[in-house]
Structures are given as structure tokens and as C-alpha cells.
Full PDB file with SEQRES, HELIX, SHEET, SSBOND, CRYST1, ORIGX, SCALE, CONECT and MASTER records, all heavy atoms in Angstrom:
SEQRES   1 A   41  ALA ASP GLY THR VAL LEU GLY GLN LYS VAL THR PRO LEU          
SEQRES   2 A   41  ASP ARG ALA GLY LEU TYR VAL PRO GLY GLY LYS ALA SER          
SEQRES   3 A   41  TYR PRO SER SER VAL LEU MET ASN ALA ILE PRO ALA LYS          
SEQRES   4 A   41  VAL ALA                                                      
HELIX    1 AA1 PRO A   28  VAL A   40  1                                  13    
CRYST1    1.000    1.000    1.000  90.00  90.00  90.00 P 1           1          
ORIGX1      1.000000  0.000000  0.000000        0.00000                         
ORIGX2      0.000000  1.000000  0.000000        0.00000                         
ORIGX3      0.000000  0.000000  1.000000        0.00000                         
SCALE1      1.000000  0.000000  0.000000        0.00000                         
SCALE2      0.000000  1.000000  0.000000        0.00000                         
SCALE3      0.000000  0.000000  1.000000        0.00000                         
ATOM      1  N   ALA A   1       0.753  -1.219   0.005  1.00  0.00           N  
ATOM      2  CA  ALA A   1       0.065  -0.038  -0.015  1.00  0.00           C  
ATOM      3  C   ALA A   1       0.612   1.210  -0.064  1.00  0.00           C  
ATOM      4  O   ALA A   1       0.441   2.323  -0.601  1.00  0.00           O  
ATOM      5  CB  ALA A   1      -0.973   0.018   1.258  1.00  0.00           C  
ATOM      6  N   ASP A   2       1.937   1.275   0.589  1.00  0.00           N  
ATOM      7  CA  ASP A   2       2.864   2.504   0.618  1.00  0.00           C  
ATOM      8  C   ASP A   2       3.810   2.605  -0.479  1.00  0.00           C  
ATOM      9  O   ASP A   2       4.755   3.453  -0.506  1.00  0.00           O  
ATOM     10  CB  ASP A   2       3.682   2.392   1.994  1.00  0.00           C  
ATOM     11  CG  ASP A   2       4.626   1.230   2.199  1.00  0.00           C  
ATOM     12  OD1 ASP A   2       4.854   0.532   1.236  1.00  0.00           O  
ATOM     13  OD2 ASP A   2       4.999   1.034   3.174  1.00  0.00           O  
ATOM     14  N   GLY A   3       3.616   1.767  -1.495  1.00  0.00           N  
ATOM     15  CA  GLY A   3       4.505   1.798  -2.653  1.00  0.00           C  
ATOM     16  C   GLY A   3       5.608   0.910  -2.686  1.00  0.00           C  
ATOM     17  O   GLY A   3       6.438   0.850  -3.681  1.00  0.00           O  
ATOM     18  N   THR A   4       6.076   0.233  -1.536  1.00  0.00           N  
ATOM     19  CA  THR A   4       7.194  -0.651  -1.553  1.00  0.00           C  
ATOM     20  C   THR A   4       6.879  -1.826  -2.495  1.00  0.00           C  
ATOM     21  O   THR A   4       5.851  -2.456  -2.442  1.00  0.00           O  
ATOM     22  CB  THR A   4       7.402  -1.159  -0.060  1.00  0.00           C  
ATOM     23  OG1 THR A   4       7.793  -0.079   0.680  1.00  0.00           O  
ATOM     24  CG2 THR A   4       8.413  -2.259  -0.071  1.00  0.00           C  
ATOM     25  N   VAL A   5       7.878  -2.218  -3.156  1.00  0.00           N  
ATOM     26  CA  VAL A   5       7.821  -3.354  -4.168  1.00  0.00           C  
ATOM     27  C   VAL A   5       8.677  -4.552  -3.647  1.00  0.00           C  
ATOM     28  O   VAL A   5       9.830  -4.386  -3.433  1.00  0.00           O  
ATOM     29  CB  VAL A   5       8.105  -3.096  -5.586  1.00  0.00           C  
ATOM     30  CG1 VAL A   5       8.130  -4.213  -6.515  1.00  0.00           C  
ATOM     31  CG2 VAL A   5       7.379  -1.854  -6.117  1.00  0.00           C  
ATOM     32  N   LEU A   6       8.106  -5.782  -3.436  1.00  0.00           N  
ATOM     33  CA  LEU A   6       8.785  -6.988  -3.151  1.00  0.00           C  
ATOM     34  C   LEU A   6       8.550  -8.092  -4.212  1.00  0.00           C  
ATOM     35  O   LEU A   6       7.536  -8.007  -4.986  1.00  0.00           O  
ATOM     36  CB  LEU A   6       8.316  -7.472  -1.854  1.00  0.00           C  
ATOM     37  CG  LEU A   6       8.491  -6.486  -0.668  1.00  0.00           C  
ATOM     38  CD1 LEU A   6       7.799  -7.184   0.608  1.00  0.00           C  
ATOM     39  CD2 LEU A   6       9.842  -6.124  -0.389  1.00  0.00           C  
ATOM     40  N   GLY A   7       9.552  -8.851  -4.441  1.00  0.00           N  
ATOM     41  CA  GLY A   7       9.363  -9.894  -5.489  1.00  0.00           C  
ATOM     42  C   GLY A   7      10.493 -10.838  -5.497  1.00  0.00           C  
ATOM     43  O   GLY A   7      11.362 -10.965  -4.649  1.00  0.00           O  
ATOM     44  N   GLN A   8      10.700 -11.441  -6.692  1.00  0.00           N  
ATOM     45  CA  GLN A   8      11.654 -12.494  -6.797  1.00  0.00           C  
ATOM     46  C   GLN A   8      11.974 -12.588  -8.363  1.00  0.00           C  
ATOM     47  O   GLN A   8      11.020 -12.556  -9.237  1.00  0.00           O  
ATOM     48  CB  GLN A   8      11.033 -13.984  -6.460  1.00  0.00           C  
ATOM     49  CG  GLN A   8      12.086 -15.061  -6.607  1.00  0.00           C  
ATOM     50  CD  GLN A   8      11.617 -16.308  -5.776  1.00  0.00           C  
ATOM     51  OE1 GLN A   8      11.769 -16.450  -4.708  1.00  0.00           O  
ATOM     52  NE2 GLN A   8      10.876 -17.105  -6.545  1.00  0.00           N  
ATOM     53  N   LYS A   9      13.232 -12.459  -8.620  1.00  0.00           N  
ATOM     54  CA  LYS A   9      13.686 -12.561  -9.942  1.00  0.00           C  
ATOM     55  C   LYS A   9      14.346 -14.033 -10.208  1.00  0.00           C  
ATOM     56  O   LYS A   9      15.128 -14.439  -9.577  1.00  0.00           O  
ATOM     57  CB  LYS A   9      14.825 -11.474 -10.206  1.00  0.00           C  
ATOM     58  CG  LYS A   9      15.257 -11.453 -11.569  1.00  0.00           C  
ATOM     59  CD  LYS A   9      16.384 -10.247 -11.810  1.00  0.00           C  
ATOM     60  CE  LYS A   9      16.866 -10.139 -13.294  1.00  0.00           C  
ATOM     61  NZ  LYS A   9      17.613 -11.371 -13.707  1.00  0.00           N  
ATOM     62  N   VAL A  10      13.707 -14.594 -11.287  1.00  0.00           N  
ATOM     63  CA  VAL A  10      14.284 -16.035 -11.543  1.00  0.00           C  
ATOM     64  C   VAL A  10      15.322 -15.839 -12.826  1.00  0.00           C  
ATOM     65  O   VAL A  10      14.888 -15.331 -13.841  1.00  0.00           O  
ATOM     66  CB  VAL A  10      13.129 -16.842 -11.917  1.00  0.00           C  
ATOM     67  CG1 VAL A  10      13.589 -18.287 -12.357  1.00  0.00           C  
ATOM     68  CG2 VAL A  10      12.117 -17.004 -10.752  1.00  0.00           C  
ATOM     69  N   THR A  11      16.335 -16.424 -12.622  1.00  0.00           N  
ATOM     70  CA  THR A  11      17.428 -16.263 -13.669  1.00  0.00           C  
ATOM     71  C   THR A  11      18.067 -17.718 -13.943  1.00  0.00           C  
ATOM     72  O   THR A  11      18.480 -18.435 -13.061  1.00  0.00           O  
ATOM     73  CB  THR A  11      18.634 -15.311 -13.112  1.00  0.00           C  
ATOM     74  OG1 THR A  11      18.100 -14.236 -12.669  1.00  0.00           O  
ATOM     75  CG2 THR A  11      19.627 -15.034 -14.267  1.00  0.00           C  
ATOM     76  N   PRO A  12      18.293 -18.025 -15.100  1.00  0.00           N  
ATOM     77  CA  PRO A  12      18.981 -19.423 -15.363  1.00  0.00           C  
ATOM     78  C   PRO A  12      20.416 -19.393 -15.001  1.00  0.00           C  
ATOM     79  O   PRO A  12      21.050 -18.245 -15.020  1.00  0.00           O  
ATOM     80  CB  PRO A  12      18.782 -19.541 -16.929  1.00  0.00           C  
ATOM     81  CG  PRO A  12      18.592 -18.254 -17.365  1.00  0.00           C  
ATOM     82  CD  PRO A  12      17.894 -17.526 -16.354  1.00  0.00           C  
ATOM     83  N   LEU A  13      21.022 -20.461 -14.703  1.00  0.00           N  
ATOM     84  CA  LEU A  13      22.531 -20.453 -14.491  1.00  0.00           C  
ATOM     85  C   LEU A  13      23.090 -20.122 -15.981  1.00  0.00           C  
ATOM     86  O   LEU A  13      22.604 -20.367 -17.053  1.00  0.00           O  
ATOM     87  CB  LEU A  13      22.968 -21.991 -14.245  1.00  0.00           C  
ATOM     88  CG  LEU A  13      22.195 -22.588 -12.925  1.00  0.00           C  
ATOM     89  CD1 LEU A  13      22.794 -24.022 -12.790  1.00  0.00           C  
ATOM     90  CD2 LEU A  13      22.463 -21.709 -11.761  1.00  0.00           C  
ATOM     91  N   ASP A  14      24.371 -19.621 -15.786  1.00  0.00           N  
ATOM     92  CA  ASP A  14      25.262 -19.241 -17.065  1.00  0.00           C  
ATOM     93  C   ASP A  14      25.623 -20.529 -17.719  1.00  0.00           C  
ATOM     94  O   ASP A  14      25.701 -20.606 -19.000  1.00  0.00           O  
ATOM     95  CB  ASP A  14      26.345 -18.358 -16.591  1.00  0.00           C  
ATOM     96  CG  ASP A  14      25.980 -17.051 -16.235  1.00  0.00           C  
ATOM     97  OD1 ASP A  14      24.791 -16.611 -16.520  1.00  0.00           O  
ATOM     98  OD2 ASP A  14      26.799 -16.371 -15.647  1.00  0.00           O  
ATOM     99  N   ARG A  15      26.077 -21.475 -17.074  1.00  0.00           N  
ATOM    100  CA  ARG A  15      26.669 -22.662 -17.649  1.00  0.00           C  
ATOM    101  C   ARG A  15      26.436 -23.871 -16.811  1.00  0.00           C  
ATOM    102  O   ARG A  15      26.715 -23.957 -15.575  1.00  0.00           O  
ATOM    103  CB  ARG A  15      28.082 -22.460 -17.860  1.00  0.00           C  
ATOM    104  CG  ARG A  15      28.811 -23.465 -18.770  1.00  0.00           C  
ATOM    105  CD  ARG A  15      30.288 -23.219 -18.954  1.00  0.00           C  
ATOM    106  NE  ARG A  15      30.430 -22.060 -19.816  1.00  0.00           N  
ATOM    107  CZ  ARG A  15      31.225 -21.053 -19.509  1.00  0.00           C  
ATOM    108  NH1 ARG A  15      31.830 -20.959 -18.290  1.00  0.00           N  
ATOM    109  NH2 ARG A  15      31.414 -20.050 -20.334  1.00  0.00           N  
ATOM    110  N   ALA A  16      25.958 -25.060 -17.469  1.00  0.00           N  
ATOM    111  CA  ALA A  16      25.804 -26.201 -16.687  1.00  0.00           C  
ATOM    112  C   ALA A  16      26.709 -27.325 -17.325  1.00  0.00           C  
ATOM    113  O   ALA A  16      26.875 -27.302 -18.510  1.00  0.00           O  
ATOM    114  CB  ALA A  16      24.309 -26.721 -16.825  1.00  0.00           C  
ATOM    115  N   GLY A  17      27.105 -28.267 -16.434  1.00  0.00           N  
ATOM    116  CA  GLY A  17      27.996 -29.361 -16.838  1.00  0.00           C  
ATOM    117  C   GLY A  17      27.258 -30.718 -16.685  1.00  0.00           C  
ATOM    118  O   GLY A  17      26.718 -30.891 -15.671  1.00  0.00           O  
ATOM    119  N   LEU A  18      27.294 -31.411 -17.696  1.00  0.00           N  
ATOM    120  CA  LEU A  18      26.723 -32.608 -17.728  1.00  0.00           C  
ATOM    121  C   LEU A  18      27.645 -33.868 -17.873  1.00  0.00           C  
ATOM    122  O   LEU A  18      28.371 -33.927 -18.829  1.00  0.00           O  
ATOM    123  CB  LEU A  18      25.626 -32.769 -18.863  1.00  0.00           C  
ATOM    124  CG  LEU A  18      25.060 -34.074 -19.351  1.00  0.00           C  
ATOM    125  CD1 LEU A  18      24.345 -34.721 -18.254  1.00  0.00           C  
ATOM    126  CD2 LEU A  18      24.132 -33.833 -20.522  1.00  0.00           C  
ATOM    127  N   TYR A  19      27.710 -34.676 -16.761  1.00  0.00           N  
ATOM    128  CA  TYR A  19      28.455 -35.827 -16.786  1.00  0.00           C  
ATOM    129  C   TYR A  19      27.709 -37.042 -17.392  1.00  0.00           C  
ATOM    130  O   TYR A  19      26.628 -37.361 -16.904  1.00  0.00           O  
ATOM    131  CB  TYR A  19      29.053 -36.303 -15.456  1.00  0.00           C  
ATOM    132  CG  TYR A  19      30.109 -37.358 -15.522  1.00  0.00           C  
ATOM    133  CD1 TYR A  19      31.480 -37.023 -15.476  1.00  0.00           C  
ATOM    134  CD2 TYR A  19      29.805 -38.617 -15.784  1.00  0.00           C  
ATOM    135  CE1 TYR A  19      32.422 -38.041 -15.662  1.00  0.00           C  
ATOM    136  CE2 TYR A  19      30.755 -39.654 -15.852  1.00  0.00           C  
ATOM    137  CZ  TYR A  19      31.942 -39.266 -15.792  1.00  0.00           C  
ATOM    138  OH  TYR A  19      32.974 -40.306 -15.872  1.00  0.00           O  
ATOM    139  N   VAL A  20      28.181 -37.796 -18.427  1.00  0.00           N  
ATOM    140  CA  VAL A  20      27.547 -38.807 -19.063  1.00  0.00           C  
ATOM    141  C   VAL A  20      28.542 -40.090 -18.946  1.00  0.00           C  
ATOM    142  O   VAL A  20      29.669 -39.975 -19.385  1.00  0.00           O  
ATOM    143  CB  VAL A  20      27.175 -38.579 -20.489  1.00  0.00           C  
ATOM    144  CG1 VAL A  20      26.530 -39.802 -21.095  1.00  0.00           C  
ATOM    145  CG2 VAL A  20      26.248 -37.341 -20.428  1.00  0.00           C  
ATOM    146  N   PRO A  21      28.068 -41.095 -18.379  1.00  0.00           N  
ATOM    147  CA  PRO A  21      28.977 -42.397 -18.445  1.00  0.00           C  
ATOM    148  C   PRO A  21      29.200 -42.830 -19.737  1.00  0.00           C  
ATOM    149  O   PRO A  21      28.475 -42.582 -20.730  1.00  0.00           O  
ATOM    150  CB  PRO A  21      28.168 -43.411 -17.656  1.00  0.00           C  
ATOM    151  CG  PRO A  21      27.231 -42.606 -16.808  1.00  0.00           C  
ATOM    152  CD  PRO A  21      26.808 -41.415 -17.708  1.00  0.00           C  
ATOM    153  N   GLY A  22      30.487 -43.404 -19.980  1.00  0.00           N  
ATOM    154  CA  GLY A  22      30.785 -43.815 -21.350  1.00  0.00           C  
ATOM    155  C   GLY A  22      31.290 -45.198 -21.385  1.00  0.00           C  
ATOM    156  O   GLY A  22      31.285 -45.936 -20.368  1.00  0.00           O  
ATOM    157  N   GLY A  23      31.714 -45.772 -22.547  1.00  0.00           N  
ATOM    158  CA  GLY A  23      32.084 -47.135 -22.687  1.00  0.00           C  
ATOM    159  C   GLY A  23      30.857 -48.076 -22.573  1.00  0.00           C  
ATOM    160  O   GLY A  23      29.920 -47.712 -23.189  1.00  0.00           O  
ATOM    161  N   LYS A  24      30.971 -49.079 -21.877  1.00  0.00           N  
ATOM    162  CA  LYS A  24      29.952 -50.174 -21.604  1.00  0.00           C  
ATOM    163  C   LYS A  24      28.666 -49.532 -21.195  1.00  0.00           C  
ATOM    164  O   LYS A  24      27.534 -49.814 -21.623  1.00  0.00           O  
ATOM    165  CB  LYS A  24      30.419 -51.187 -20.776  1.00  0.00           C  
ATOM    166  CG  LYS A  24      31.502 -52.084 -21.346  1.00  0.00           C  
ATOM    167  CD  LYS A  24      31.752 -53.175 -20.576  1.00  0.00           C  
ATOM    168  CE  LYS A  24      32.998 -54.144 -21.139  1.00  0.00           C  
ATOM    169  NZ  LYS A  24      33.418 -55.234 -20.227  1.00  0.00           N  
ATOM    170  N   ALA A  25      28.747 -48.657 -20.082  1.00  0.00           N  
ATOM    171  CA  ALA A  25      27.577 -48.032 -19.515  1.00  0.00           C  
ATOM    172  C   ALA A  25      27.271 -46.726 -20.168  1.00  0.00           C  
ATOM    173  O   ALA A  25      27.653 -45.679 -19.577  1.00  0.00           O  
ATOM    174  CB  ALA A  25      27.824 -47.866 -17.987  1.00  0.00           C  
ATOM    175  N   SER A  26      26.650 -46.710 -21.416  1.00  0.00           N  
ATOM    176  CA  SER A  26      26.285 -45.627 -22.027  1.00  0.00           C  
ATOM    177  C   SER A  26      24.839 -45.399 -22.054  1.00  0.00           C  
ATOM    178  O   SER A  26      24.053 -46.312 -22.503  1.00  0.00           O  
ATOM    179  CB  SER A  26      26.787 -45.811 -23.482  1.00  0.00           C  
ATOM    180  OG  SER A  26      28.189 -45.786 -23.481  1.00  0.00           O  
ATOM    181  N   TYR A  27      24.296 -44.277 -21.687  1.00  0.00           N  
ATOM    182  CA  TYR A  27      23.018 -43.941 -21.502  1.00  0.00           C  
ATOM    183  C   TYR A  27      22.515 -42.761 -22.257  1.00  0.00           C  
ATOM    184  O   TYR A  27      22.512 -41.496 -21.757  1.00  0.00           O  
ATOM    185  CB  TYR A  27      22.678 -43.821 -19.962  1.00  0.00           C  
ATOM    186  CG  TYR A  27      23.039 -45.027 -19.276  1.00  0.00           C  
ATOM    187  CD1 TYR A  27      23.958 -45.125 -18.259  1.00  0.00           C  
ATOM    188  CD2 TYR A  27      22.341 -46.236 -19.437  1.00  0.00           C  
ATOM    189  CE1 TYR A  27      24.336 -46.113 -17.467  1.00  0.00           C  
ATOM    190  CE2 TYR A  27      22.636 -47.367 -18.680  1.00  0.00           C  
ATOM    191  CZ  TYR A  27      23.729 -47.344 -17.693  1.00  0.00           C  
ATOM    192  OH  TYR A  27      23.996 -48.436 -17.021  1.00  0.00           O  
ATOM    193  N   PRO A  28      22.069 -42.837 -23.435  1.00  0.00           N  
ATOM    194  CA  PRO A  28      21.566 -41.730 -24.166  1.00  0.00           C  
ATOM    195  C   PRO A  28      20.411 -41.010 -23.461  1.00  0.00           C  
ATOM    196  O   PRO A  28      20.102 -39.803 -23.557  1.00  0.00           O  
ATOM    197  CB  PRO A  28      21.133 -42.171 -25.559  1.00  0.00           C  
ATOM    198  CG  PRO A  28      21.091 -43.735 -25.330  1.00  0.00           C  
ATOM    199  CD  PRO A  28      22.019 -44.143 -24.403  1.00  0.00           C  
ATOM    200  N   SER A  29      19.573 -41.869 -22.737  1.00  0.00           N  
ATOM    201  CA  SER A  29      18.343 -41.247 -22.086  1.00  0.00           C  
ATOM    202  C   SER A  29      18.841 -40.393 -20.908  1.00  0.00           C  
ATOM    203  O   SER A  29      18.165 -39.298 -20.694  1.00  0.00           O  
ATOM    204  CB  SER A  29      17.534 -42.412 -21.405  1.00  0.00           C  
ATOM    205  OG  SER A  29      18.498 -43.256 -20.466  1.00  0.00           O  
ATOM    206  N   SER A  30      20.116 -40.606 -20.452  1.00  0.00           N  
ATOM    207  CA  SER A  30      20.550 -39.628 -19.415  1.00  0.00           C  
ATOM    208  C   SER A  30      20.936 -38.342 -19.921  1.00  0.00           C  
ATOM    209  O   SER A  30      20.778 -37.288 -19.220  1.00  0.00           O  
ATOM    210  CB  SER A  30      21.853 -40.307 -18.667  1.00  0.00           C  
ATOM    211  OG  SER A  30      22.227 -39.665 -17.728  1.00  0.00           O  
ATOM    212  N   VAL A  31      21.317 -38.326 -21.209  1.00  0.00           N  
ATOM    213  CA  VAL A  31      21.695 -37.082 -21.847  1.00  0.00           C  
ATOM    214  C   VAL A  31      20.306 -36.216 -22.000  1.00  0.00           C  
ATOM    215  O   VAL A  31      20.278 -34.988 -21.674  1.00  0.00           O  
ATOM    216  CB  VAL A  31      22.320 -37.278 -23.291  1.00  0.00           C  
ATOM    217  CG1 VAL A  31      22.535 -35.900 -24.002  1.00  0.00           C  
ATOM    218  CG2 VAL A  31      23.598 -38.195 -23.213  1.00  0.00           C  
ATOM    219  N   LEU A  32      19.371 -36.862 -22.471  1.00  0.00           N  
ATOM    220  CA  LEU A  32      18.118 -36.073 -22.488  1.00  0.00           C  
ATOM    221  C   LEU A  32      17.548 -35.607 -21.326  1.00  0.00           C  
ATOM    222  O   LEU A  32      17.099 -34.261 -21.180  1.00  0.00           O  
ATOM    223  CB  LEU A  32      17.065 -37.101 -23.275  1.00  0.00           C  
ATOM    224  CG  LEU A  32      17.399 -37.629 -24.606  1.00  0.00           C  
ATOM    225  CD1 LEU A  32      16.154 -38.482 -25.136  1.00  0.00           C  
ATOM    226  CD2 LEU A  32      17.636 -36.728 -25.645  1.00  0.00           C  
ATOM    227  N   MET A  33      17.571 -36.438 -20.260  1.00  0.00           N  
ATOM    228  CA  MET A  33      16.980 -36.034 -19.068  1.00  0.00           C  
ATOM    229  C   MET A  33      17.850 -35.014 -18.299  1.00  0.00           C  
ATOM    230  O   MET A  33      17.154 -34.272 -17.403  1.00  0.00           O  
ATOM    231  CB  MET A  33      16.916 -37.274 -18.117  1.00  0.00           C  
ATOM    232  CG  MET A  33      15.990 -38.365 -18.556  1.00  0.00           C  
ATOM    233  SD  MET A  33      14.294 -37.823 -18.490  1.00  0.00           S  
ATOM    234  CE  MET A  33      13.390 -39.444 -19.180  1.00  0.00           C  
ATOM    235  N   ASN A  34      18.962 -34.878 -18.472  1.00  0.00           N  
ATOM    236  CA  ASN A  34      19.767 -33.743 -17.888  1.00  0.00           C  
ATOM    237  C   ASN A  34      19.940 -32.519 -18.754  1.00  0.00           C  
ATOM    238  O   ASN A  34      19.921 -31.503 -18.185  1.00  0.00           O  
ATOM    239  CB  ASN A  34      21.322 -34.240 -17.520  1.00  0.00           C  
ATOM    240  CG  ASN A  34      21.138 -35.360 -16.410  1.00  0.00           C  
ATOM    241  OD1 ASN A  34      21.349 -34.839 -15.233  1.00  0.00           O  
ATOM    242  ND2 ASN A  34      21.066 -36.673 -16.623  1.00  0.00           N  
ATOM    243  N   ALA A  35      20.134 -32.717 -20.101  1.00  0.00           N  
ATOM    244  CA  ALA A  35      20.349 -31.442 -20.857  1.00  0.00           C  
ATOM    245  C   ALA A  35      19.158 -30.758 -21.171  1.00  0.00           C  
ATOM    246  O   ALA A  35      19.117 -29.569 -21.134  1.00  0.00           O  
ATOM    247  CB  ALA A  35      21.090 -31.886 -22.100  1.00  0.00           C  
ATOM    248  N   ILE A  36      18.070 -31.441 -21.439  1.00  0.00           N  
ATOM    249  CA  ILE A  36      16.722 -30.795 -21.883  1.00  0.00           C  
ATOM    250  C   ILE A  36      16.339 -29.798 -20.779  1.00  0.00           C  
ATOM    251  O   ILE A  36      15.937 -28.700 -21.059  1.00  0.00           O  
ATOM    252  CB  ILE A  36      15.722 -31.842 -22.423  1.00  0.00           C  
ATOM    253  CG1 ILE A  36      16.169 -32.346 -23.696  1.00  0.00           C  
ATOM    254  CG2 ILE A  36      14.421 -31.043 -22.517  1.00  0.00           C  
ATOM    255  CD1 ILE A  36      15.319 -33.460 -24.274  1.00  0.00           C  
ATOM    256  N   PRO A  37      16.089 -30.234 -19.461  1.00  0.00           N  
ATOM    257  CA  PRO A  37      15.754 -29.330 -18.414  1.00  0.00           C  
ATOM    258  C   PRO A  37      16.575 -28.082 -18.296  1.00  0.00           C  
ATOM    259  O   PRO A  37      16.109 -26.916 -18.113  1.00  0.00           O  
ATOM    260  CB  PRO A  37      15.673 -30.164 -17.121  1.00  0.00           C  
ATOM    261  CG  PRO A  37      15.681 -31.565 -17.450  1.00  0.00           C  
ATOM    262  CD  PRO A  37      16.317 -31.592 -18.909  1.00  0.00           C  
ATOM    263  N   ALA A  38      17.868 -28.246 -18.533  1.00  0.00           N  
ATOM    264  CA  ALA A  38      18.785 -27.033 -18.494  1.00  0.00           C  
ATOM    265  C   ALA A  38      18.470 -26.146 -19.614  1.00  0.00           C  
ATOM    266  O   ALA A  38      18.343 -24.878 -19.453  1.00  0.00           O  
ATOM    267  CB  ALA A  38      20.298 -27.574 -18.602  1.00  0.00           C  
ATOM    268  N   LYS A  39      18.191 -26.586 -20.777  1.00  0.00           N  
ATOM    269  CA  LYS A  39      17.910 -25.694 -21.964  1.00  0.00           C  
ATOM    270  C   LYS A  39      16.528 -25.235 -21.748  1.00  0.00           C  
ATOM    271  O   LYS A  39      16.392 -23.911 -22.192  1.00  0.00           O  
ATOM    272  CB  LYS A  39      17.838 -26.542 -23.251  1.00  0.00           C  
ATOM    273  CG  LYS A  39      19.367 -26.870 -23.735  1.00  0.00           C  
ATOM    274  CD  LYS A  39      20.118 -25.493 -24.027  1.00  0.00           C  
ATOM    275  CE  LYS A  39      21.410 -25.614 -24.562  1.00  0.00           C  
ATOM    276  NZ  LYS A  39      22.112 -24.370 -24.702  1.00  0.00           N  
ATOM    277  N   VAL A  40      15.447 -25.870 -21.276  1.00  0.00           N  
ATOM    278  CA  VAL A  40      14.226 -25.403 -21.016  1.00  0.00           C  
ATOM    279  C   VAL A  40      14.316 -24.224 -20.019  1.00  0.00           C  
ATOM    280  O   VAL A  40      13.661 -23.159 -19.996  1.00  0.00           O  
ATOM    281  CB  VAL A  40      13.176 -26.404 -20.452  1.00  0.00           C  
ATOM    282  CG1 VAL A  40      11.943 -25.744 -19.963  1.00  0.00           C  
ATOM    283  CG2 VAL A  40      12.894 -27.400 -21.678  1.00  0.00           C  
ATOM    284  N   ALA A  41      15.276 -24.436 -18.964  1.00  0.00           N  
ATOM    285  CA  ALA A  41      15.475 -23.291 -17.913  1.00  0.00           C  
ATOM    286  C   ALA A  41      16.070 -21.987 -18.602  1.00  0.00           C  
ATOM    287  O   ALA A  41      16.021 -20.970 -17.992  1.00  0.00           O  
ATOM    288  CB  ALA A  41      16.376 -23.819 -16.888  1.00  0.00           C  
TER     289      ALA A  41                                                      
MASTER        0    0    0    1    0    0    0    6  288    1    0    4          
END                                                                             
């Protein structure tokens, strides 16, 4: 009422690192599940 403004600013991270197992234990599904939410964010 007195003109004070309160709130929240949502900001994505600048850079995310994705570790993906390689060799025998290779999981393409893991790439999708980790990278896509980061890009959506």
C-alpha cells in the first residue's frame, strides 16, 4: 500500500556441466533427462 515493491527474480545458470557415463555403460536417455531441463530453464 505504501508503494514498496517486493518480489523474486528468476534467472537461469550461465553454464551447466553434464557428466555422461561412457564405454559399456552408455545412457543416451541420461543425456536427454539432464540436458533438456537445462535448456528449457
